[in-house]
């Protein structure tokens, strides 16, 4: 899918108005469609059919009015419940989790179901005519309103159950983890091959006579939500450029501040700079579309709030560590693309100086939790266990080295903040697994 279309879809699916508005439009189309069918059946004997309403016009108007009033009232109740759930989630899990709740399709469908039924009844109601002792009743349309009522009752029951489960900590953590795994598949789709990960930008930048340097800036502020890499690559080849990209998805761009440097043989026209800036899609907030670190930060935020003195909920923090552990284990199997990109002739065209690496993502996952867990034996013990599991799944020496460095920092924290020898035993056992394996002869020289 085109990156810009994908970004628009990401915005629409995280709004509370798109699906209800779409369902409202469908309900209007359905109402006119059934009214047309009623016109086709006008004059036919339908009194024996269970699919048609066969009462009088006054009763039909009363039924439709009652259903319409009930639907809009319940829609208000559903909206109120949603706002309360969002408020509770913002307080307990953090305001950045609100968009995760707003993406909930069940809530959007529930709101849309009641609003659409209300609009449907209004459209049908205007076609129920009772005057001069002659009733014109769209029998099938009225009967379908009754069916919608039954469906909406079932939807309301499901919604109450769904809300009560969706605000539980485990459900929130699972939802964020699902987004993290999906983002991982988008950013790092390839499994680890025989090549080695390039962590450092040591390759020589061959300018090949491109002596003109141009800085490109955006004309507005915002977070980088996505980069249209295909369009950007096409522009680079057409203009024979070499680009040094100094930002990545999730970074905040300041209006007028350069986000990349272009090297060329001729001066880059202003129109070209605008086109290059247009490939960087900005927004008012971060998203997980191409920013995997955002979902990691969300899990870290839940854990940090759980470890705060006001909540003091180590079990929620441990649940976050479990999910981060699973994510890092999956990450060890992924092939991190090189920060260098060359064209078909082998000419270096792009250097991404802020490309995510295993080290940066691993640090984002555990650094903040480790610092906030000082003195908490339960959380520190689980952290050491998580590092041991990830270490055993590591595929390269570089990955083991990064995990061992995190284990050393965790060991210092344990020795400094945990005084009871009994509480240290399990942690030190896990730590010994990493140090003994990493200090083995085949791994010597990597620490």
Protein backbone atom coordinates (compact mmCIF):
# COMPACT_ATOMS: atom_id res chain seq x y z
CA UNK A 1 0.00 0.00 0.00
CA UNK A 2 1.18 3.54 -0.75
CA UNK A 3 2.80 5.08 2.34
CA UNK A 4 0.64 8.21 2.26
CA UNK A 5 -2.55 6.16 1.89
CA UNK A 6 -1.35 3.89 4.68
CA UNK A 7 -0.75 6.93 6.89
CA UNK A 8 -4.25 8.26 6.16
CA UNK A 9 -5.73 4.85 6.97
CA UNK A 10 -3.79 4.79 10.23
CA UNK A 11 -5.37 8.13 11.12
CA UNK A 12 -8.89 7.03 10.16
CA UNK A 13 -8.82 3.73 12.03
CA UNK A 14 -7.67 5.46 15.22
CA UNK A 15 -10.62 7.89 15.17
CA UNK A 16 -13.97 7.44 16.85
CA UNK A 17 -15.91 9.08 14.01
CA UNK A 18 -14.91 7.26 10.82
CA UNK A 19 -16.61 3.87 11.28
CA UNK A 20 -19.78 5.37 12.88
CA UNK A 21 -20.01 7.84 9.98
CA UNK A 22 -19.50 5.05 7.46
CA UNK A 23 -22.16 2.91 9.14
CA UNK A 24 -24.55 5.87 9.19
CA UNK A 25 -24.14 6.29 5.44
CA UNK A 26 -24.75 2.57 4.93
CA UNK A 27 -27.89 2.73 7.09
CA UNK A 28 -29.28 5.56 4.94
CA UNK A 29 -28.59 3.54 1.79
CA UNK A 30 -30.17 0.47 3.38
CA UNK A 31 -33.26 2.42 4.40
CA UNK A 32 -33.84 3.75 0.89
CA UNK A 33 -33.16 0.30 -0.55
CA UNK A 34 -35.76 -1.39 1.67
CA UNK A 35 -38.23 1.44 1.03
CA UNK A 36 -37.83 0.76 -2.68
CA UNK A 37 -38.52 -2.94 -2.07
CA UNK A 38 -41.65 -1.96 -0.14
CA UNK A 39 -42.79 0.04 -3.15
CA UNK A 40 -42.40 -3.05 -5.31
CA UNK A 41 -44.53 -5.11 -2.89
CA UNK A 42 -47.24 -2.45 -2.61
CA UNK A 43 -50.64 -3.99 -3.29
CA UNK A 44 -49.50 -7.57 -2.70
CA UNK A 45 -51.00 -9.77 0.00
CA UNK A 46 -48.36 -9.97 2.72
CA UNK A 47 -50.43 -10.46 5.86
CA UNK A 48 -49.31 -14.05 6.22
CA UNK A 49 -45.58 -13.32 5.92
CA UNK A 50 -43.56 -13.24 9.13
CA UNK A 51 -40.95 -10.98 7.49
CA UNK A 52 -43.29 -8.02 7.10
CA UNK A 53 -44.86 -5.69 9.62
CA UNK A 54 -48.67 -5.93 9.26
CA UNK A 55 -49.93 -3.45 11.86
CA UNK A 56 -51.47 -0.02 11.42
CA UNK A 57 -49.75 3.23 10.58
CA UNK A 58 -50.07 4.75 14.06
CA UNK A 59 -48.45 1.69 15.62
CA UNK A 60 -45.68 1.77 13.02
CA UNK A 61 -44.90 5.40 13.83
CA UNK A 62 -44.93 4.63 17.55
CA UNK A 63 -42.58 1.67 17.09
CA UNK A 64 -40.11 3.63 14.97
CA UNK A 65 -40.20 6.63 17.31
CA UNK A 66 -39.59 4.42 20.35
CA UNK A 67 -36.70 2.62 18.68
CA UNK A 68 -35.14 5.89 17.47
CA UNK A 69 -35.35 7.50 20.92
CA UNK A 70 -33.93 4.40 22.57
CA UNK A 71 -31.04 4.09 20.10
CA UNK A 72 -29.86 7.69 20.48
CA UNK A 73 -30.17 7.43 24.28
CA UNK A 74 -28.10 4.25 24.41
CA UNK A 75 -25.60 5.80 21.98
CA UNK A 76 -25.08 8.57 24.55
CA UNK A 77 -24.58 5.97 27.27
CA UNK A 78 -22.02 4.10 25.13
CA UNK A 79 -20.20 7.36 24.46
CA UNK A 80 -20.13 8.16 28.18
CA UNK A 81 -18.79 4.69 29.04
CA UNK A 82 -16.11 5.12 26.38
CA UNK A 83 -15.02 8.48 27.78
CA UNK A 84 -14.85 7.06 31.33
CA UNK A 85 -12.76 4.12 30.09
CA UNK A 86 -10.43 6.51 28.27
CA UNK A 87 -10.05 8.65 31.39
CA UNK A 88 -9.24 5.66 33.57
CA UNK A 89 -6.76 4.33 31.03
CA UNK A 90 -5.06 7.71 30.71
CA UNK A 91 -4.61 7.90 34.48
CA UNK A 92 -3.42 4.34 35.00
CA UNK A 93 -1.49 3.57 31.81
CA UNK A 94 -0.57 6.98 30.40
CA UNK A 95 -2.08 9.42 27.90
CA UNK A 96 -0.12 7.95 25.00
CA UNK A 97 -2.22 4.80 25.33
CA UNK A 98 -5.41 6.69 24.43
CA UNK A 99 -4.93 6.20 20.71
CA UNK A 100 -4.56 2.47 21.28
CA UNK A 101 -8.01 2.47 22.90
CA UNK A 102 -9.43 4.68 20.15
CA UNK A 103 -8.30 2.10 17.58
CA UNK A 104 -10.56 -0.46 19.22
CA UNK A 105 -12.84 -1.63 16.43
CA UNK A 106 -15.44 -3.02 18.84
CA UNK A 107 -16.05 0.39 20.41
CA UNK A 108 -16.26 2.07 17.01
CA UNK A 109 -18.71 -0.55 15.71
CA UNK A 110 -20.87 -0.24 18.83
CA UNK A 111 -21.15 3.53 18.51
CA UNK A 112 -21.83 3.17 14.80
CA UNK A 113 -24.48 0.51 15.34
CA UNK A 114 -26.65 2.67 17.60
CA UNK A 115 -26.21 5.89 15.63
CA UNK A 116 -26.88 4.09 12.33
CA UNK A 117 -30.05 2.48 13.74
CA UNK A 118 -31.26 5.90 14.92
CA UNK A 119 -30.75 7.42 11.47
CA UNK A 120 -32.38 4.40 9.81
CA UNK A 121 -35.53 4.79 11.91
CA UNK A 122 -35.75 8.50 11.10
CA UNK A 123 -35.50 7.84 7.35
CA UNK A 124 -38.17 5.13 7.48
CA UNK A 125 -40.39 7.17 9.80
CA UNK A 126 -40.77 9.94 7.24
CA UNK A 127 -42.28 7.40 4.81
CA UNK A 128 -45.01 6.20 7.19
CA UNK A 129 -48.07 8.19 6.11
CA UNK A 130 -51.34 8.10 8.09
CA UNK A 131 -53.93 10.52 6.71
CA UNK A 132 -57.46 10.45 5.32
CA UNK A 133 -58.03 6.98 6.76
CA UNK A 134 -55.36 5.68 4.39
CA UNK A 135 -52.14 4.25 5.78
CA UNK A 136 -49.02 3.96 3.66
CA UNK A 137 -46.69 1.70 5.62
CA UNK A 138 -43.30 0.40 4.45
CA UNK A 139 -43.88 -2.98 6.06
CA UNK A 140 -40.50 -4.58 5.32
CA UNK A 141 -38.60 -1.46 6.45
CA UNK A 142 -40.46 -1.34 9.76
CA UNK A 143 -39.89 -5.05 10.32
CA UNK A 144 -36.16 -4.60 9.71
CA UNK A 145 -36.10 -1.84 12.36
CA UNK A 146 -37.28 -4.44 14.87
CA UNK A 147 -34.49 -6.78 13.76
CA UNK A 148 -31.96 -3.96 14.23
CA UNK A 149 -33.26 -3.46 17.75
CA UNK A 150 -32.61 -7.09 18.66
CA UNK A 151 -29.13 -6.89 17.13
CA UNK A 152 -28.32 -3.73 19.07
CA UNK A 153 -29.37 -5.31 22.37
CA UNK A 154 -26.87 -8.09 21.73
CA UNK A 155 -24.24 -5.51 20.72
CA UNK A 156 -24.83 -3.61 23.99
CA UNK A 157 -24.35 -6.76 26.06
CA UNK A 158 -21.11 -7.53 24.21
CA UNK A 159 -19.90 -3.92 24.58
CA UNK A 160 -20.32 -3.97 28.37
CA UNK A 161 -18.32 -7.20 28.53
CA UNK A 162 -15.71 -5.84 26.13
CA UNK A 163 -15.14 -2.61 28.08
CA UNK A 164 -14.83 -4.45 31.37
CA UNK A 165 -12.07 -6.64 29.92
CA UNK A 166 -10.32 -4.08 27.72
CA UNK A 167 -9.34 -1.81 30.63
CA UNK A 168 -7.59 -4.64 32.45
CA UNK A 169 -3.82 -4.28 32.52
CA UNK A 170 -3.16 -7.57 30.75
CA UNK A 171 -5.52 -6.66 27.90
CA UNK A 172 -3.87 -3.26 27.43
CA UNK A 173 -0.39 -4.81 27.43
CA UNK A 174 -1.45 -7.50 24.96
CA UNK A 175 -2.92 -4.88 22.62
CA UNK A 176 0.26 -2.79 22.65
CA UNK A 177 2.33 -5.94 22.11
CA UNK A 178 0.24 -6.86 19.08
CA UNK A 179 0.99 -3.43 17.59
CA UNK A 180 4.67 -3.92 18.39
CA UNK A 181 4.81 -7.26 16.58
CA UNK A 182 2.96 -5.79 13.58
CA UNK A 183 5.37 -2.85 13.46
CA UNK A 184 8.30 -5.27 13.67
CA UNK A 185 6.99 -7.16 10.63
CA UNK A 186 6.73 -3.91 8.69
CA UNK A 187 10.14 -2.49 9.63
CA UNK A 188 12.15 -5.73 9.71
CA UNK A 189 10.30 -8.22 7.49
CA UNK A 190 13.31 -10.39 6.69
CA UNK A 191 14.59 -13.18 8.87
CA UNK A 192 18.24 -13.17 9.90
CA UNK A 193 20.47 -14.51 7.13
CA UNK A 194 24.13 -15.30 6.93
CA UNK A 195 25.24 -11.67 6.84
CA UNK A 196 26.25 -9.67 9.89
CA UNK A 197 24.49 -6.63 11.25
CA UNK A 198 26.16 -3.31 10.48
CA UNK A 199 25.92 -1.24 13.64
CA UNK A 200 28.43 1.49 12.91
CA UNK A 201 28.58 4.07 10.16
CA UNK A 202 32.18 3.51 9.15
CA UNK A 203 31.83 3.27 5.38
CA UNK A 204 33.58 5.98 3.43
CA UNK A 205 31.23 8.52 1.86
CA UNK A 206 32.28 8.66 -1.81
CA UNK A 207 31.04 12.01 -3.13
CA UNK A 208 32.50 11.47 -6.63
CA UNK A 209 32.73 15.15 -7.51
CA UNK A 210 29.50 16.14 -5.74
CA UNK A 211 30.88 19.28 -4.15
CA UNK A 212 27.57 21.15 -3.68
CA UNK A 213 26.09 20.62 -0.23
CA UNK A 214 22.40 21.37 0.39
CA UNK A 215 20.51 21.19 3.68
CA UNK A 216 16.83 20.28 3.45
CA UNK A 217 14.36 21.39 6.13
CA UNK A 218 10.63 20.90 6.59
CA UNK A 219 8.26 23.87 6.53
CA UNK A 220 6.37 22.71 9.63
CA UNK A 221 6.86 21.08 13.03
CA UNK A 222 5.81 17.57 13.91
CA UNK A 223 6.71 13.96 14.56
CA UNK A 224 7.86 11.83 11.65
CA UNK A 225 5.09 9.28 11.24
CA UNK A 226 6.35 7.67 8.04
CA UNK A 227 8.91 8.03 5.27
CA UNK A 228 7.91 7.34 1.68
CA UNK A 229 11.19 5.59 0.91
CA UNK A 230 10.22 4.55 -2.63
CA UNK A 231 9.42 8.12 -3.69
CA UNK A 232 12.51 9.42 -1.92
CA UNK A 233 14.75 6.86 -3.65
CA UNK A 234 13.30 7.80 -7.03
CA UNK A 235 14.06 11.49 -6.44
CA UNK A 236 17.63 10.71 -5.35
CA UNK A 237 18.34 8.71 -8.51
CA UNK A 238 16.71 11.24 -10.83
CA UNK A 239 18.78 14.13 -9.42
CA UNK A 240 21.99 12.06 -9.00
CA UNK A 241 22.22 12.85 -5.28
CA UNK A 242 23.92 11.39 -2.24
CA UNK A 243 21.84 11.84 0.92
CA UNK A 244 22.77 11.77 4.59
CA UNK A 245 19.53 11.20 6.52
CA UNK A 246 19.77 12.46 10.11
CA UNK A 247 16.27 11.53 11.33
CA UNK A 248 14.07 8.44 11.58
CA UNK A 249 10.36 7.75 12.13
CA UNK A 250 9.42 8.89 15.63
CA UNK A 251 11.83 11.84 15.72
CA UNK A 252 10.47 15.37 16.20
CA UNK A 253 11.25 17.73 13.32
CA UNK A 254 11.52 21.46 14.01
CA UNK A 255 10.40 23.86 11.32
CA UNK A 256 13.40 25.21 9.45
CA UNK A 257 15.90 22.76 10.98
CA UNK A 258 17.65 20.51 8.42
CA UNK A 259 16.76 16.84 8.60
CA UNK A 260 19.06 15.69 5.79
CA UNK A 261 22.10 16.76 3.78
CA UNK A 262 22.28 16.43 -0.01
CA UNK A 263 25.53 16.17 -1.96
CA UNK A 264 25.30 16.99 -5.66
CA UNK A 265 27.26 18.33 -8.64
CA UNK A 266 24.79 21.17 -9.23
CA UNK A 267 22.70 23.27 -6.87
CA UNK A 268 19.44 21.58 -5.90
CA UNK A 269 16.41 23.66 -6.96
CA UNK A 270 13.84 24.68 -4.38
CA UNK A 271 11.14 22.54 -6.01
CA UNK A 272 13.30 19.45 -5.61
CA UNK A 273 13.87 20.24 -1.94
CA UNK A 274 10.10 20.57 -1.43
CA UNK A 275 9.52 17.20 -3.09
CA UNK A 276 12.15 15.57 -0.86
CA UNK A 277 10.61 17.18 2.22
CA UNK A 278 7.20 15.93 1.06
CA UNK A 279 8.37 12.32 1.35
CA UNK A 280 8.69 12.86 5.12
CA UNK A 281 5.16 12.57 6.52
CA UNK A 282 4.70 14.58 9.72
CA UNK A 283 1.93 14.48 12.31
CA UNK A 284 1.03 15.81 15.74
CA UNK A 285 1.89 12.54 17.47
CA UNK A 286 3.98 9.40 17.07
CA UNK A 287 2.51 6.26 15.55
CA UNK A 288 3.67 2.66 15.35
CA UNK A 289 3.38 2.52 11.55
CA UNK A 290 7.16 2.71 10.99
CA UNK A 291 8.24 3.59 14.53
CA UNK A 292 8.72 0.33 16.39
CA UNK A 293 10.34 2.14 19.30
CA UNK A 294 7.03 3.91 19.99
CA UNK A 295 5.31 0.65 20.99
CA UNK A 296 8.35 -0.28 23.09
CA UNK A 297 8.10 3.10 24.84
CA UNK A 298 4.40 2.47 25.50
CA UNK A 299 5.15 -0.82 27.25
CA UNK A 300 7.95 0.88 29.19
CA UNK A 301 5.59 3.67 30.22
CA UNK A 302 3.05 1.19 31.59
CA UNK A 303 5.82 -0.49 33.58
CA UNK A 304 7.17 2.82 34.90
CA UNK A 305 3.72 3.92 36.06
CA UNK A 306 3.21 0.54 37.71
CA UNK A 307 6.50 1.01 39.59
CA UNK A 308 5.60 4.51 40.77
CA UNK A 309 4.90 4.93 44.51
CA UNK A 310 1.29 5.91 43.78
CA UNK A 311 0.47 2.56 42.12
CA UNK A 312 3.19 0.20 43.40
CA UNK A 313 2.06 -2.62 41.10
CA UNK A 314 5.07 -4.83 40.32
CA UNK A 315 2.89 -7.49 38.68
CA UNK A 316 1.92 -5.12 35.87
CA UNK A 317 5.58 -4.20 35.43
CA UNK A 318 6.47 -7.91 35.24
CA UNK A 319 3.77 -8.41 32.59
CA UNK A 320 5.36 -5.64 30.53
CA UNK A 321 8.80 -7.23 30.93
CA UNK A 322 7.37 -10.53 29.67
CA UNK A 323 6.07 -8.87 26.51
CA UNK A 324 9.30 -6.95 25.96
CA UNK A 325 11.23 -10.17 26.42
CA UNK A 326 9.12 -11.85 23.73
CA UNK A 327 9.63 -8.89 21.40
CA UNK A 328 13.41 -8.86 21.88
CA UNK A 329 13.58 -12.63 21.29
CA UNK A 330 11.77 -12.13 18.00
CA UNK A 331 14.08 -9.26 17.19
CA UNK A 332 17.15 -11.47 17.48
CA UNK A 333 15.86 -13.43 14.47
CA UNK A 334 15.36 -10.36 12.30
CA UNK A 335 17.72 -9.03 9.66
CA UNK A 336 18.53 -5.39 10.35
CA UNK A 337 19.02 -3.65 7.00
CA UNK A 338 22.26 -1.80 6.47
CA UNK A 339 22.27 1.96 7.08
CA UNK A 340 23.87 2.26 3.65
CA UNK A 341 21.89 1.99 0.44
CA UNK A 342 23.52 1.71 -2.97
CA UNK A 343 22.12 1.86 -6.48
CA UNK A 344 22.43 -0.85 -9.12
CA UNK A 345 25.89 0.41 -10.10
CA UNK A 346 27.13 0.05 -6.53
CA UNK A 347 27.23 3.82 -5.90
CA UNK A 348 26.46 4.77 -2.32
CA UNK A 349 23.32 6.92 -2.34
CA UNK A 350 21.91 7.05 1.19
CA UNK A 351 23.35 6.91 4.70
CA UNK A 352 20.74 6.64 7.46
CA UNK A 353 22.55 7.92 10.51
CA UNK A 354 19.56 7.36 12.80
CA UNK A 355 18.48 3.93 11.63
CA UNK A 356 17.25 1.74 14.51
CA UNK A 357 19.62 -1.00 15.63
CA UNK A 358 19.31 -3.94 17.97
CA UNK A 359 21.30 -1.96 20.54
CA UNK A 360 19.02 1.09 20.42
CA UNK A 361 15.82 -0.96 20.62
CA UNK A 362 17.16 -3.17 23.39
CA UNK A 363 18.20 -0.11 25.35
CA UNK A 364 14.76 1.48 24.87
CA UNK A 365 13.13 -1.69 26.16
CA UNK A 366 15.04 -2.13 29.41
CA UNK A 367 17.04 0.97 30.40
CA UNK A 368 14.17 2.98 31.87
CA UNK A 369 12.63 0.00 33.65
CA UNK A 370 15.99 -0.96 35.15
CA UNK A 371 16.51 2.54 36.52
CA UNK A 372 13.02 2.69 38.03
CA UNK A 373 13.18 -0.79 39.58
CA UNK A 374 15.93 0.03 42.11
CA UNK A 375 15.26 -1.87 45.30
CA UNK A 376 12.36 -3.89 43.89
CA UNK A 377 13.57 -7.48 44.19
CA UNK A 378 10.62 -8.99 42.30
CA UNK A 379 11.05 -6.79 39.23
CA UNK A 380 14.87 -6.99 39.21
CA UNK A 381 14.69 -10.77 39.45
CA UNK A 382 12.34 -10.91 36.50
CA UNK A 383 14.56 -8.55 34.53
CA UNK A 384 17.55 -10.85 35.00
CA UNK A 385 15.42 -13.81 33.93
CA UNK A 386 14.32 -11.92 30.78
CA UNK A 387 17.91 -11.06 29.87
CA UNK A 388 18.87 -14.71 30.27
CA UNK A 389 16.09 -15.85 27.93
CA UNK A 390 17.03 -13.27 25.30
CA UNK A 391 20.73 -14.10 25.64
CA UNK A 392 20.01 -17.76 24.93
CA UNK A 393 18.08 -16.75 21.79
CA UNK A 394 20.78 -14.38 20.50
CA UNK A 395 22.12 -15.26 17.06
CA UNK A 396 25.23 -13.07 16.78
CA UNK A 397 28.15 -12.06 18.98
CA UNK A 398 27.09 -8.43 18.65
CA UNK A 399 23.70 -9.24 20.16
CA UNK A 400 25.25 -11.22 23.02
CA UNK A 401 27.61 -8.35 23.74
CA UNK A 402 24.72 -5.88 23.99
CA UNK A 403 22.73 -8.17 26.30
CA UNK A 404 25.79 -8.79 28.48
CA UNK A 405 26.31 -5.03 28.86
CA UNK A 406 22.73 -4.64 30.03
CA UNK A 407 23.23 -7.55 32.43
CA UNK A 408 26.32 -5.83 33.89
CA UNK A 409 24.30 -2.65 34.53
CA UNK A 410 21.55 -4.71 36.12
CA UNK A 411 24.09 -6.54 38.30
CA UNK A 412 25.39 -3.19 39.60
CA UNK A 413 21.84 -2.12 40.42
CA UNK A 414 21.14 -5.37 42.27
CA UNK A 415 24.34 -5.22 44.33
CA UNK A 416 23.73 -1.58 45.21
CA UNK A 417 20.02 -1.67 46.08
CA UNK A 418 19.24 -5.27 47.20
CA UNK A 419 20.82 -5.95 50.59
CA UNK A 420 19.24 -9.27 51.58
CA UNK A 421 21.48 -12.16 50.37
CA UNK A 422 18.45 -14.40 49.94
CA UNK A 423 16.89 -11.95 47.45
CA UNK A 424 20.11 -11.81 45.45
CA UNK A 425 20.51 -15.55 44.94
CA UNK A 426 18.12 -16.08 42.03
CA UNK A 427 19.25 -12.88 40.31
CA UNK A 428 22.90 -13.85 40.54
CA UNK A 429 22.12 -17.31 39.18
CA UNK A 430 20.56 -15.79 36.07
CA UNK A 431 23.44 -13.33 35.77
CA UNK A 432 25.95 -16.20 36.00
CA UNK A 433 24.34 -17.89 32.96
CA UNK A 434 25.11 -14.81 30.86
CA UNK A 435 28.62 -14.17 32.18
CA UNK A 436 29.76 -17.78 32.01
CA UNK A 437 28.46 -18.21 28.45
CA UNK A 438 29.81 -14.89 27.28
CA UNK A 439 33.25 -15.56 28.82
CA UNK A 440 33.55 -18.96 27.14
CA UNK A 441 36.63 -19.44 24.87
CA UNK A 442 34.62 -19.17 21.65
CA UNK A 443 33.26 -15.81 22.82
CA UNK A 444 36.45 -14.45 24.30
CA UNK A 445 37.32 -10.90 23.39
CA UNK A 446 33.68 -9.81 22.99
CA UNK A 447 33.27 -8.22 26.41
